[in-house]
Each structure stands twice: as structure tokens, then as C-alpha cells.
Amino acid sequence: MPQHEPAVFADLLTWPVRRWLIALGVAVAVFVGLVLTAGLVSVAGPAVWWTVPVTAVGSGLIGLIVSSYLGTPIGADATMCDTRWPILGLIALYLTTEAHSLEPVFSGLARPALAAAAVALLVWALHERLGSENKAMREAASGTADGEVCTTCRPIFTRPTP
């Protein structure tokens, strides 16, 4: 019988308060940054109806991803490779927001489609990050390691050697 991997999003329930506060702070900062730089709040006119909710959801996901990089259990350190997809998701989220001061890069149906793809990419990036953390914690608890080593990625935060 196949063994099912535990739901990685359930691990969010076990996060300490510090991680949640970091996630909230980053989400608010990203949301405010996107709103101000993209011109969602403008006297020129209202934003397209879906841009504010998509920006809020995307900002929340980015906050969770950034928070997952901090306070990781031993063996679950984030690497530089973990930052690729969240950065691309943030860029896509920015490009799909309503910009009154510039001609939009994408128009028509491409904007909501790219916005949906950006949110899906951020959900996938969070799932992968939490999955690698969950796997590292299971391996540390059981004392087994499958030997997977990334030779091209460096840890974002190095731990002091004992």
C-alpha cells in the first residue's frame, strides 16, 4: 500500500508565533509596496476589480514563503534555489497589477491569466518549501537520509559551526 505524504500545509499550524508575525509583517509590506508602486490607489480611476484581492492573496503567500526561510529546524535550511520561484511570482504579480502611470505590460485576458498563474506559482513555491522542510524534519527524527544533496545551491543563512 502506498504511503501518503502528510499535508505540508498542516505544518503551518505548528509554526511558532514569531514565524506568523514575520509572515504578517512581510505580507503587509509587500501589499503596501505593490499598491503604491503599481498605482492601485490613484486619483485617475479605480483599479480593475480583481487586482486588489489577487495582490492581497499573493502578498500573503509571499509572507508565508519568506517566513518559512527563518527559524527553520536543523536540516531544513532554505537555499538560494528556494528563492527563484517566489521572486518570479512576485514579478508576475507586479506586472499584472493596474498601473495608471504607465502603459500596462499585459492587457486584456492576459492580465488575469498571468495573475492566476502568479498565485498558482506562489502556492506551488510555498508547497515545495514546506515539503522540503517537512522531509528534513522527518529524516532528522528517524535518523535516515536519502542522500539527496544539491551541489549548486548555497544556504541563505549559514548556521554557526559548533
C-alpha atoms as a PDB file:
ATOM      1  CA  MET A   1       0.000   0.000   0.000  1.00  0.00           C
ATOM      2  CA  PRO A   2       1.484   3.401  -0.945  1.00  0.00           C
ATOM      3  CA  GLN A   3       2.467   5.701   1.870  1.00  0.00           C
ATOM      4  CA  HIS A   4       0.895   9.147   1.616  1.00  0.00           C
ATOM      5  CA  GLU A   5       2.942  12.220   2.328  1.00  0.00           C
ATOM      6  CA  PRO A   6       1.432  14.287   5.147  1.00  0.00           C
ATOM      7  CA  ALA A   7      -0.236  17.503   4.126  1.00  0.00           C
ATOM      8  CA  VAL A   8       2.555  20.065   4.199  1.00  0.00           C
ATOM      9  CA  PHE A   9       0.180  22.961   4.713  1.00  0.00           C
ATOM     10  CA  ALA A  10      -0.871  21.362   8.012  1.00  0.00           C
ATOM     11  CA  ASP A  11       2.640  22.177   9.262  1.00  0.00           C
ATOM     12  CA  LEU A  12       1.637  25.845   9.257  1.00  0.00           C
ATOM     13  CA  LEU A  13      -0.487  25.102  12.332  1.00  0.00           C
ATOM     14  CA  THR A  14       2.634  24.158  14.279  1.00  0.00           C
ATOM     15  CA  TRP A  15       4.552  27.330  13.455  1.00  0.00           C
ATOM     16  CA  PRO A  16       5.631  29.464  16.401  1.00  0.00           C
ATOM     17  CA  VAL A  17       4.120  32.932  16.842  1.00  0.00           C
ATOM     18  CA  ARG A  18       7.389  34.528  15.678  1.00  0.00           C
ATOM     19  CA  ARG A  19       7.056  32.953  12.227  1.00  0.00           C
ATOM     20  CA  TRP A  20       3.441  34.096  11.930  1.00  0.00           C
ATOM     21  CA  LEU A  21       4.362  37.654  12.907  1.00  0.00           C
ATOM     22  CA  ILE A  22       7.138  37.684  10.302  1.00  0.00           C
ATOM     23  CA  ALA A  23       4.717  36.361   7.674  1.00  0.00           C
ATOM     24  CA  LEU A  24       2.171  39.050   8.562  1.00  0.00           C
ATOM     25  CA  GLY A  25       4.779  41.826   8.501  1.00  0.00           C
ATOM     26  CA  VAL A  26       6.195  40.756   5.148  1.00  0.00           C
ATOM     27  CA  ALA A  27       2.702  40.335   3.662  1.00  0.00           C
ATOM     28  CA  VAL A  28       1.682  43.835   4.724  1.00  0.00           C
ATOM     29  CA  ALA A  29       4.943  45.333   3.438  1.00  0.00           C
ATOM     30  CA  VAL A  30       4.619  43.571   0.067  1.00  0.00           C
ATOM     31  CA  PHE A  31       0.947  44.547  -0.245  1.00  0.00           C
ATOM     32  CA  VAL A  32       1.645  48.198   0.541  1.00  0.00           C
ATOM     33  CA  GLY A  33       4.658  48.182  -1.776  1.00  0.00           C
ATOM     34  CA  LEU A  34       2.666  46.708  -4.653  1.00  0.00           C
ATOM     35  CA  VAL A  35      -0.275  49.034  -4.071  1.00  0.00           C
ATOM     36  CA  LEU A  36       1.913  52.131  -4.012  1.00  0.00           C
ATOM     37  CA  THR A  37       4.255  51.218  -6.877  1.00  0.00           C
ATOM     38  CA  ALA A  38       1.603  49.772  -9.167  1.00  0.00           C
ATOM     39  CA  GLY A  39      -0.793  52.668  -8.744  1.00  0.00           C
ATOM     40  CA  LEU A  40      -3.704  50.655  -7.360  1.00  0.00           C
ATOM     41  CA  VAL A  41      -4.617  53.690  -5.269  1.00  0.00           C
ATOM     42  CA  SER A  42      -4.843  56.522  -7.728  1.00  0.00           C
ATOM     43  CA  VAL A  43      -6.965  59.552  -8.385  1.00  0.00           C
ATOM     44  CA  ALA A  44      -7.021  58.595 -12.088  1.00  0.00           C
ATOM     45  CA  GLY A  45      -9.634  55.904 -11.506  1.00  0.00           C
ATOM     46  CA  PRO A  46     -10.411  52.667  -9.722  1.00  0.00           C
ATOM     47  CA  ALA A  47      -8.300  49.571 -10.189  1.00  0.00           C
ATOM     48  CA  VAL A  48      -9.641  46.556 -12.060  1.00  0.00           C
ATOM     49  CA  TRP A  49     -11.848  44.700  -9.554  1.00  0.00           C
ATOM     50  CA  TRP A  50      -9.682  41.581  -9.271  1.00  0.00           C
ATOM     51  CA  THR A  51      -6.293  43.269  -8.756  1.00  0.00           C
ATOM     52  CA  VAL A  52      -6.711  44.108  -5.056  1.00  0.00           C
ATOM     53  CA  PRO A  53      -7.786  40.574  -3.964  1.00  0.00           C
ATOM     54  CA  VAL A  54      -5.076  38.959  -6.100  1.00  0.00           C
ATOM     55  CA  THR A  55      -2.486  41.346  -4.658  1.00  0.00           C
ATOM     56  CA  ALA A  56      -3.675  40.558  -1.116  1.00  0.00           C
ATOM     57  CA  VAL A  57      -3.543  36.771  -1.673  1.00  0.00           C
ATOM     58  CA  GLY A  58      -0.163  36.974  -3.416  1.00  0.00           C
ATOM     59  CA  SER A  59       1.250  39.173  -0.663  1.00  0.00           C
ATOM     60  CA  GLY A  60       0.063  36.712   1.968  1.00  0.00           C
ATOM     61  CA  LEU A  61       1.719  33.830   0.132  1.00  0.00           C
ATOM     62  CA  ILE A  62       4.975  35.766  -0.183  1.00  0.00           C
ATOM     63  CA  GLY A  63       4.830  36.498   3.546  1.00  0.00           C
ATOM     64  CA  LEU A  64       4.453  32.785   4.309  1.00  0.00           C
ATOM     65  CA  ILE A  65       7.292  31.880   1.970  1.00  0.00           C
ATOM     66  CA  VAL A  66       9.678  34.438   3.470  1.00  0.00           C
ATOM     67  CA  SER A  67       8.709  33.358   6.970  1.00  0.00           C
ATOM     68  CA  SER A  68       9.443  29.740   6.032  1.00  0.00           C
ATOM     69  CA  TYR A  69      13.062  30.761   5.433  1.00  0.00           C
ATOM     70  CA  LEU A  70      13.505  31.962   9.020  1.00  0.00           C
ATOM     71  CA  GLY A  71      13.703  29.834  12.121  1.00  0.00           C
ATOM     72  CA  THR A  72      13.955  26.589  10.204  1.00  0.00           C
ATOM     73  CA  PRO A  73      14.614  23.344  12.030  1.00  0.00           C
ATOM     74  CA  ILE A  74      18.093  21.899  11.680  1.00  0.00           C
ATOM     75  CA  GLY A  75      18.491  20.228   8.310  1.00  0.00           C
ATOM     76  CA  ALA A  76      15.674  22.248   6.714  1.00  0.00           C
ATOM     77  CA  ASP A  77      17.643  25.377   5.892  1.00  0.00           C
ATOM     78  CA  ALA A  78      16.449  27.384   2.924  1.00  0.00           C
ATOM     79  CA  THR A  79      18.801  27.664  -0.034  1.00  0.00           C
ATOM     80  CA  MET A  80      19.284  30.239  -2.746  1.00  0.00           C
ATOM     81  CA  CYS A  81      17.473  27.868  -5.127  1.00  0.00           C
ATOM     82  CA  ASP A  82      14.349  28.200  -2.949  1.00  0.00           C
ATOM     83  CA  THR A  83      14.100  31.880  -3.884  1.00  0.00           C
ATOM     84  CA  ARG A  84      13.750  31.521  -7.677  1.00  0.00           C
ATOM     85  CA  TRP A  85      10.041  30.788  -7.941  1.00  0.00           C
ATOM     86  CA  PRO A  86       8.820  33.217  -5.272  1.00  0.00           C
ATOM     87  CA  ILE A  87      10.761  36.029  -6.968  1.00  0.00           C
ATOM     88  CA  LEU A  88       9.238  35.145 -10.347  1.00  0.00           C
ATOM     89  CA  GLY A  89       5.791  35.016  -8.720  1.00  0.00           C
ATOM     90  CA  LEU A  90       6.326  38.462  -7.184  1.00  0.00           C
ATOM     91  CA  ILE A  91       7.426  39.893 -10.537  1.00  0.00           C
ATOM     92  CA  ALA A  92       4.398  38.376 -12.294  1.00  0.00           C
ATOM     93  CA  LEU A  93       2.139  39.727  -9.565  1.00  0.00           C
ATOM     94  CA  TYR A  94       3.587  43.206 -10.052  1.00  0.00           C
ATOM     95  CA  LEU A  95       3.219  43.059 -13.835  1.00  0.00           C
ATOM     96  CA  THR A  96      -0.467  42.162 -13.615  1.00  0.00           C
ATOM     97  CA  THR A  97      -1.498  44.937 -11.247  1.00  0.00           C
ATOM     98  CA  GLU A  98      -3.160  48.080 -12.506  1.00  0.00           C
ATOM     99  CA  ALA A  99      -0.564  50.752 -13.257  1.00  0.00           C
ATOM    100  CA  HIS A 100      -2.100  54.146 -14.045  1.00  0.00           C
ATOM    101  CA  SER A 101       1.171  55.940 -14.651  1.00  0.00           C
ATOM    102  CA  LEU A 102       2.494  53.524 -17.288  1.00  0.00           C
ATOM    103  CA  GLU A 103       1.072  51.576 -20.166  1.00  0.00           C
ATOM    104  CA  PRO A 104       0.296  48.089 -18.778  1.00  0.00           C
ATOM    105  CA  VAL A 105       2.741  45.412 -19.931  1.00  0.00           C
ATOM    106  CA  PHE A 106      -0.106  42.929 -20.336  1.00  0.00           C
ATOM    107  CA  SER A 107      -3.637  43.761 -21.380  1.00  0.00           C
ATOM    108  CA  GLY A 108      -6.947  42.055 -21.974  1.00  0.00           C
ATOM    109  CA  LEU A 109      -7.360  38.484 -20.784  1.00  0.00           C
ATOM    110  CA  ALA A 110      -3.596  38.033 -20.439  1.00  0.00           C
ATOM    111  CA  ARG A 111      -3.548  40.048 -17.206  1.00  0.00           C
ATOM    112  CA  PRO A 112      -5.974  37.937 -15.155  1.00  0.00           C
ATOM    113  CA  ALA A 113      -4.494  34.745 -16.615  1.00  0.00           C
ATOM    114  CA  LEU A 114      -0.988  35.809 -15.618  1.00  0.00           C
ATOM    115  CA  ALA A 115      -2.252  36.915 -12.195  1.00  0.00           C
ATOM    116  CA  ALA A 116      -3.788  33.467 -11.658  1.00  0.00           C
ATOM    117  CA  ALA A 117      -0.531  31.867 -12.815  1.00  0.00           C
ATOM    118  CA  ALA A 118       1.443  34.071 -10.390  1.00  0.00           C
ATOM    119  CA  VAL A 119      -0.737  32.997  -7.463  1.00  0.00           C
ATOM    120  CA  ALA A 120      -0.503  29.334  -8.536  1.00  0.00           C
ATOM    121  CA  LEU A 121       3.289  29.660  -8.773  1.00  0.00           C
ATOM    122  CA  LEU A 122       3.433  31.133  -5.268  1.00  0.00           C
ATOM    123  CA  VAL A 123       1.225  28.337  -3.879  1.00  0.00           C
ATOM    124  CA  TRP A 124       3.487  25.773  -5.538  1.00  0.00           C
ATOM    125  CA  ALA A 125       6.640  27.500  -4.212  1.00  0.00           C
ATOM    126  CA  LEU A 126       5.206  27.501  -0.671  1.00  0.00           C
ATOM    127  CA  HIS A 127       4.213  23.843  -1.019  1.00  0.00           C
ATOM    128  CA  GLU A 128       7.709  22.888  -2.182  1.00  0.00           C
ATOM    129  CA  ARG A 129       9.395  24.888   0.586  1.00  0.00           C
ATOM    130  CA  LEU A 130       7.192  23.409   3.309  1.00  0.00           C
ATOM    131  CA  GLY A 131       7.571  19.956   1.759  1.00  0.00           C
ATOM    132  CA  SER A 132      11.365  20.127   1.890  1.00  0.00           C
ATOM    133  CA  GLU A 133      11.208  21.334   5.491  1.00  0.00           C
ATOM    134  CA  ASN A 134       8.794  18.541   6.400  1.00  0.00           C
ATOM    135  CA  LYS A 135      11.017  15.956   4.722  1.00  0.00           C
ATOM    136  CA  ALA A 136      14.121  17.212   6.521  1.00  0.00           C
ATOM    137  CA  MET A 137      12.317  17.069   9.862  1.00  0.00           C
ATOM    138  CA  ARG A 138      11.102  13.507   9.225  1.00  0.00           C
ATOM    139  CA  GLU A 139      14.603  12.402   8.233  1.00  0.00           C
ATOM    140  CA  ALA A 140      16.129  14.049  11.298  1.00  0.00           C
ATOM    141  CA  ALA A 141      13.579  12.358  13.554  1.00  0.00           C
ATOM    142  CA  SER A 142      14.106   8.923  12.027  1.00  0.00           C
ATOM    143  CA  GLY A 143      17.866   9.236  11.599  1.00  0.00           C
ATOM    144  CA  THR A 144      17.671   8.346   7.915  1.00  0.00           C
ATOM    145  CA  ALA A 145      18.692  10.443   4.957  1.00  0.00           C
ATOM    146  CA  ASP A 146      18.152   9.585   1.325  1.00  0.00           C
ATOM    147  CA  GLY A 147      21.431  11.150   0.250  1.00  0.00           C
ATOM    148  CA  GLU A 148      19.954  13.998  -1.801  1.00  0.00           C
ATOM    149  CA  VAL A 149      22.447  16.844  -1.917  1.00  0.00           C
ATOM    150  CA  CYS A 150      22.181  19.968  -4.021  1.00  0.00           C
ATOM    151  CA  THR A 151      25.654  20.928  -5.202  1.00  0.00           C
ATOM    152  CA  THR A 152      24.643  24.228  -6.809  1.00  0.00           C
ATOM    153  CA  CYS A 153      22.583  25.799  -4.021  1.00  0.00           C
ATOM    154  CA  ARG A 154      24.015  27.602  -1.036  1.00  0.00           C
ATOM    155  CA  PRO A 155      22.145  28.166   2.244  1.00  0.00           C
ATOM    156  CA  ILE A 156      20.649  31.631   2.579  1.00  0.00           C
ATOM    157  CA  PHE A 157      21.537  31.799   6.258  1.00  0.00           C
ATOM    158  CA  THR A 158      24.532  29.830   7.447  1.00  0.00           C
ATOM    159  CA  ARG A 159      24.436  28.266  10.872  1.00  0.00           C
ATOM    160  CA  PRO A 160      27.451  28.648  13.130  1.00  0.00           C
ATOM    161  CA  THR A 161      29.560  25.507  13.305  1.00  0.00           C
ATOM    162  CA  PRO A 162      29.866  24.004  16.781  1.00  0.00           C
END
